[in-house]
Protein backbone atom coordinates (compact mmCIF):
# COMPACT_ATOMS: atom_id res chain seq x y z
CA MET A 1 23.03 49.00 -106.14
CA ALA A 2 26.54 47.58 -105.30
CA LEU A 3 25.88 48.48 -101.48
CA THR A 4 22.76 46.74 -101.54
CA GLY A 5 24.42 43.59 -103.04
CA LEU A 6 27.19 43.77 -100.34
CA LEU A 7 24.66 44.14 -97.47
CA THR A 8 22.74 41.14 -98.75
CA PHE A 9 25.95 38.91 -98.85
CA ASN A 10 26.86 40.18 -95.54
CA ILE A 11 23.30 39.00 -94.01
CA LEU A 12 23.35 35.63 -95.78
CA ASN A 13 27.19 35.12 -94.47
CA SER A 14 25.72 36.12 -90.95
CA ILE A 15 22.88 33.87 -91.24
CA ALA A 16 24.97 30.91 -92.11
CA LEU A 17 27.57 31.63 -89.38
CA LEU A 18 24.95 31.69 -86.81
CA LEU A 19 23.33 28.54 -88.29
CA LEU A 20 26.62 26.43 -88.10
CA LEU A 21 27.17 27.63 -84.70
CA SER A 22 23.70 26.52 -83.64
CA LEU A 23 23.02 23.21 -85.19
CA GLY A 24 25.14 21.18 -82.81
CA LEU A 25 23.27 22.63 -79.74
CA GLY A 26 19.96 22.11 -81.41
CA VAL A 27 20.67 18.38 -82.05
CA ILE A 28 21.74 18.01 -78.39
CA TYR A 29 19.12 20.17 -76.90
CA GLY A 30 16.36 19.83 -79.12
CA MET A 31 16.77 15.81 -79.26
CA MET A 32 17.89 15.13 -75.88
CA LYS A 33 16.70 18.08 -73.80
CA VAL A 34 20.49 18.47 -72.59
CA ILE A 35 21.55 21.95 -72.00
CA ASN A 36 25.05 21.89 -72.95
CA LEU A 37 26.84 24.97 -71.49
CA ALA A 38 30.16 23.40 -72.83
CA HIS A 39 28.95 24.02 -76.30
CA GLY A 40 31.13 26.97 -76.87
CA GLU A 41 34.06 25.02 -75.72
CA PHE A 42 33.54 22.39 -78.20
CA VAL A 43 33.28 25.27 -80.83
CA MET A 44 36.67 26.42 -79.31
CA LEU A 45 38.35 22.98 -79.53
CA GLY A 46 37.17 22.55 -83.16
CA ALA A 47 39.22 25.68 -83.91
CA TYR A 48 42.25 24.78 -81.97
CA THR A 49 42.10 21.39 -83.89
CA THR A 50 41.98 23.23 -87.08
CA VAL A 51 45.06 25.88 -86.06
CA VAL A 52 47.30 22.60 -84.76
CA CYS A 53 46.40 20.47 -87.77
CA ALA A 54 47.14 23.11 -90.31
CA ASP A 55 50.56 24.17 -88.51
CA ALA A 56 51.39 20.43 -88.46
CA GLY A 57 51.09 20.50 -92.41
CA LEU A 58 47.56 18.95 -92.85
CA ASN A 59 45.70 20.73 -95.84
CA ILE A 60 43.57 23.44 -94.34
CA TRP A 61 40.28 21.89 -95.70
CA LEU A 62 40.88 18.74 -94.46
CA ALA A 63 41.82 20.28 -90.85
CA MET A 64 38.51 22.28 -90.99
CA LEU A 65 36.19 19.86 -92.54
CA VAL A 66 37.42 16.71 -91.22
CA ALA A 67 39.99 16.67 -88.54
CA ALA A 68 38.01 19.48 -86.28
CA PRO A 69 34.51 17.60 -86.35
CA LEU A 70 35.92 14.21 -85.83
CA VAL A 71 38.15 15.17 -82.80
CA CYS A 72 35.16 16.99 -81.21
CA GLY A 73 32.95 14.20 -82.18
CA LEU A 74 35.24 11.85 -80.30
CA VAL A 75 35.48 14.18 -77.38
CA GLY A 76 31.73 14.47 -77.18
CA LEU A 77 31.37 10.70 -77.01
CA VAL A 78 34.02 10.36 -74.05
CA VAL A 79 31.98 13.00 -72.34
CA GLU A 80 28.51 11.46 -72.82
CA ARG A 81 30.00 8.19 -71.72
CA GLY A 82 31.98 9.50 -68.61
CA LEU A 83 29.64 12.20 -67.63
CA ILE A 84 26.23 13.09 -69.43
CA ARG A 85 24.81 9.51 -69.02
CA PHE A 86 24.44 9.82 -65.36
CA LEU A 87 22.37 13.09 -65.44
CA TYR A 88 19.71 12.49 -68.07
CA GLY A 89 16.26 13.82 -66.66
CA ARG A 90 18.24 15.99 -64.13
CA MET A 91 18.46 19.46 -65.97
CA ILE A 92 20.09 21.58 -63.26
CA ASP A 93 22.65 19.02 -62.43
CA THR A 94 23.42 18.70 -66.29
CA MET A 95 23.84 22.52 -66.55
CA LEU A 96 26.19 22.41 -63.56
CA ALA A 97 28.25 19.46 -64.85
CA THR A 98 28.61 21.02 -68.44
CA TRP A 99 29.52 24.39 -66.92
CA GLY A 100 32.07 22.67 -65.06
CA LEU A 101 33.25 20.85 -68.16
CA SER A 102 33.39 24.24 -69.90
CA LEU A 103 35.81 25.47 -67.05
CA ALA A 104 37.94 22.44 -67.31
CA MET A 105 38.16 22.50 -71.06
CA ILE A 106 39.26 26.35 -71.13
CA GLY A 107 41.93 25.57 -68.20
CA LEU A 108 43.26 22.58 -70.11
CA VAL A 109 43.75 24.34 -73.43
CA THR A 110 44.89 27.69 -71.63
CA THR A 111 47.54 25.29 -69.94
CA ILE A 112 48.63 23.90 -73.32
CA PHE A 113 48.50 26.76 -75.85
CA GLY A 114 48.63 29.64 -73.48
CA ASN A 115 46.44 32.57 -73.21
CA THR A 116 47.23 33.96 -76.62
CA VAL A 117 45.22 34.42 -79.73
CA ARG A 118 46.03 32.09 -82.81
CA GLY A 119 44.54 31.69 -86.01
CA VAL A 120 45.02 30.43 -89.66
CA SER A 121 45.13 32.07 -93.03
CA ASN A 122 42.14 32.39 -95.14
CA PRO A 123 42.46 29.92 -97.62
CA LEU A 124 40.39 31.87 -100.45
CA GLY A 125 40.88 35.06 -101.94
CA GLY A 126 38.35 38.10 -102.61
CA PHE A 127 36.04 39.39 -105.24
CA THR A 128 34.26 42.62 -105.71
CA ILE A 129 30.79 43.72 -105.66
CA GLY A 130 30.97 47.09 -107.49
CA PRO A 131 33.68 49.05 -105.83
CA TYR A 132 33.50 47.04 -102.71
CA GLN A 133 35.95 44.04 -101.63
CA THR A 134 34.65 41.11 -99.98
CA SER A 135 36.08 37.45 -99.26
CA LEU A 136 35.18 34.43 -101.31
CA TYR A 137 35.24 32.52 -97.90
CA GLY A 138 32.04 34.04 -97.09
CA VAL A 139 30.46 32.19 -100.06
CA PHE A 140 31.92 29.00 -98.83
CA VAL A 141 30.53 29.49 -95.43
CA ILE A 142 27.27 30.05 -97.01
CA LEU A 143 27.23 26.87 -99.24
CA LEU A 144 28.66 24.78 -96.35
CA ALA A 145 25.77 25.88 -94.15
CA VAL A 146 23.15 24.95 -96.84
CA ALA A 147 25.00 21.61 -97.40
CA VAL A 148 25.12 20.64 -93.70
CA CYS A 149 21.60 21.48 -93.31
CA ALA A 150 20.55 19.29 -96.12
CA LEU A 151 22.57 16.31 -95.29
CA LEU A 152 21.01 16.43 -91.62
CA TRP A 153 17.75 16.79 -92.97
CA LEU A 154 18.29 13.74 -95.24
CA ALA A 155 19.88 11.71 -92.39
CA LEU A 156 17.01 12.29 -89.84
CA ARG A 157 14.19 11.80 -92.73
CA ARG A 158 15.36 9.31 -95.01
CA LEU A 159 18.18 7.21 -93.41
CA ARG A 160 17.31 4.27 -91.01
CA PHE A 161 19.59 5.53 -88.53
CA GLY A 162 17.77 8.94 -88.54
CA LEU A 163 14.44 7.36 -88.21
CA ILE A 164 15.77 5.29 -84.94
CA LEU A 165 17.37 8.14 -83.58
CA ARG A 166 14.17 10.23 -83.77
CA ALA A 167 11.97 7.35 -82.38
CA THR A 168 14.41 6.79 -79.42
CA MET A 169 14.20 10.38 -78.30
CA GLN A 170 10.50 10.26 -78.52
CA ASN A 171 9.69 6.85 -76.72
CA PRO A 172 13.13 5.19 -75.54
CA ASP A 173 11.06 2.32 -73.90
CA MET A 174 9.12 1.18 -76.98
CA ALA A 175 12.47 1.71 -78.88
CA ALA A 176 14.38 -0.76 -76.45
CA ALA A 177 11.14 -3.10 -76.63
CA LEU A 178 12.00 -3.37 -80.58
CA GLY A 179 15.61 -4.20 -80.08
CA VAL A 180 17.22 -0.50 -79.96
CA SER A 181 19.91 0.20 -77.36
CA PRO A 182 18.63 3.85 -76.29
CA PRO A 183 22.29 4.23 -74.37
CA ARG A 184 23.92 4.00 -77.66
CA ILE A 185 21.65 6.14 -79.55
CA TYR A 186 22.10 9.00 -76.93
CA MET A 187 25.95 8.65 -76.94
CA ALA A 188 25.69 8.91 -80.93
CA THR A 189 23.35 11.98 -80.76
CA PHE A 190 25.78 13.65 -78.21
CA ALA A 191 28.53 12.90 -80.45
CA ILE A 192 27.06 14.28 -83.50
CA GLY A 193 25.99 17.61 -81.85
CA ALA A 194 29.80 17.80 -80.57
CA ALA A 195 30.89 17.17 -84.03
CA LEU A 196 28.83 19.73 -85.63
CA ALA A 197 30.08 22.22 -82.77
CA GLY A 198 33.51 21.35 -83.86
CA LEU A 199 32.89 21.92 -87.47
CA ALA A 200 31.56 25.35 -86.84
CA GLY A 201 34.72 26.28 -84.80
CA GLY A 202 37.13 24.82 -87.80
CA VAL A 203 35.09 27.30 -90.08
CA LEU A 204 35.61 30.20 -87.46
CA ALA A 205 39.31 29.52 -87.26
CA PRO A 206 40.39 31.63 -90.50
CA ILE A 207 38.08 34.54 -89.85
CA SER A 208 38.10 34.65 -85.99
CA GLY A 209 40.80 35.01 -83.52
CA VAL A 210 41.30 31.42 -81.68
CA SER A 211 41.67 31.69 -77.88
CA PRO A 212 40.84 29.77 -74.97
CA GLY A 213 37.78 31.87 -74.05
CA MET A 214 36.40 32.12 -77.63
CA GLY A 215 33.42 29.86 -77.01
CA ALA A 216 31.82 32.45 -74.58
CA ALA A 217 31.28 34.90 -77.49
CA PHE A 218 28.97 32.16 -79.33
CA ILE A 219 27.31 30.22 -76.56
CA ALA A 220 24.55 32.82 -76.05
CA LYS A 221 23.64 33.35 -79.56
CA ALA A 222 23.51 29.93 -79.98
CA PHE A 223 21.16 29.02 -77.25
CA ILE A 224 18.80 32.21 -78.16
CA THR A 225 18.50 30.83 -81.70
CA VAL A 226 17.83 27.08 -80.83
CA LEU A 227 15.06 28.48 -78.28
CA GLY A 228 13.65 30.73 -80.82
CA GLY A 229 13.58 28.30 -83.45
CA GLY A 230 11.62 25.72 -81.11
CA PRO A 231 11.39 21.98 -81.45
CA ALA A 232 12.29 21.58 -84.87
CA ILE A 233 15.97 21.21 -85.29
CA ILE A 234 16.57 21.82 -88.55
CA THR A 235 13.50 23.93 -89.77
CA GLY A 236 13.41 26.00 -86.32
CA THR A 237 17.20 26.74 -86.10
CA GLY A 238 17.22 27.69 -89.83
CA LEU A 239 14.28 30.03 -89.51
CA ALA A 240 15.55 31.57 -86.19
CA SER A 241 19.23 32.08 -87.88
CA GLY A 242 17.67 33.93 -90.55
CA LEU A 243 15.54 36.20 -88.42
CA PHE A 244 18.53 37.00 -85.87
CA GLY A 245 21.15 36.93 -88.48
CA SER A 246 19.43 39.68 -90.62
CA VAL A 247 18.45 41.53 -87.44
CA SER A 248 22.24 41.80 -86.19
CA GLU A 249 23.67 42.48 -89.47
CA LEU A 250 21.10 45.18 -90.65
CA ALA A 251 21.44 46.83 -86.96
CA SER A 252 25.40 46.45 -87.16
CA PHE A 253 25.44 48.07 -90.58
CA GLN A 254 23.20 50.97 -89.67
CA THR A 255 25.06 51.72 -86.13
CA THR A 256 27.87 49.45 -84.67
CA PRO A 257 28.37 45.74 -84.11
CA VAL A 258 27.73 46.06 -80.33
CA PHE A 259 23.88 47.54 -81.06
CA GLY A 260 23.74 44.75 -83.46
CA GLN A 261 24.16 42.15 -80.52
CA VAL A 262 21.64 44.21 -78.45
CA ALA A 263 19.10 44.40 -81.34
CA LEU A 264 19.52 40.48 -81.71
CA LEU A 265 18.83 40.12 -78.01
CA LEU A 266 15.82 42.48 -77.96
CA VAL A 267 14.20 40.70 -81.03
CA ALA A 268 14.82 37.51 -79.23
CA ILE A 269 13.05 38.69 -76.07
CA VAL A 270 10.17 39.79 -77.95
CA MET A 271 9.97 36.79 -80.13
CA ILE A 272 10.10 34.26 -77.03
CA ARG A 273 7.74 36.38 -75.29
CA LEU A 274 5.10 36.08 -78.38
CA LEU A 275 6.04 32.42 -79.20
CA PRO A 276 7.46 30.69 -75.87
CA ASN A 277 7.37 27.42 -77.68
CA GLY A 278 9.61 29.06 -80.69
CA ILE A 279 8.72 29.45 -84.03
CA THR A 280 8.17 25.78 -84.80
CA GLY A 281 6.16 25.32 -81.69
CA ARG A 282 3.59 27.55 -82.98
CA PHE A 283 4.02 26.89 -86.97
CA LEU A 284 5.49 24.17 -89.09
CA ARG A 285 4.90 21.58 -86.34
CA ARG A 286 5.60 18.69 -88.40
CA SER A 287 8.83 19.58 -89.85
CA VAL A 288 12.16 18.28 -88.46
């Protein structure tokens, strides 16, 4: 019984981490149709922001939940204004540009901090499930993922800004005719996606080694999750995270973490073959 409880907790934690990693990419790709190959580097930047701020004496919670998304959101705003806005509608060019951006970010961070692994201490202790010891930080990650999804859903469905954002993405010409500035909405959307990636990086900092190349470990899983979820940003990403996170954790528990990643990829291939438009491209089409 205790082992079942531990496995359930680990599955929920895996789902929550995958969801946090994928939401920012879901916002940028799902709403703007921009394939951001630098998404992993925004996660990395958020992790480094957390480490630097914590080392400077800032409270770890403020570093993770405020500083990391704020810095990445500002960087995302600059990137959209200086690079991405010239490439809308040119998918291949956008992919090449963001790939070059990812290489530049890795090189810059390596130059500043060196190619060494850094990190911050886990701010929470542990608890027991029967004879097994696990971390309270996992509970925080699960609750944070739920809170972020709820806030994002409320923003897109209930707030005026969210309605304007969705309308602009669906019909920018009509939005412009009604007095909305589509370039500003694009800028804000990209900044929000970058901030969510930075938040994921900040959350990862206490439980993962922080290094310039850490983003490469997450970008593939995030893309698979977003594609598997389909057009609905929150519902689709949440359902795909639940499926892929469960499969990965169960396979890792039965075998090894490497096979867990292989199992995730195999399930993604089968699902995309059966549902080429993703889960919400076939079901729950009216969801956000």
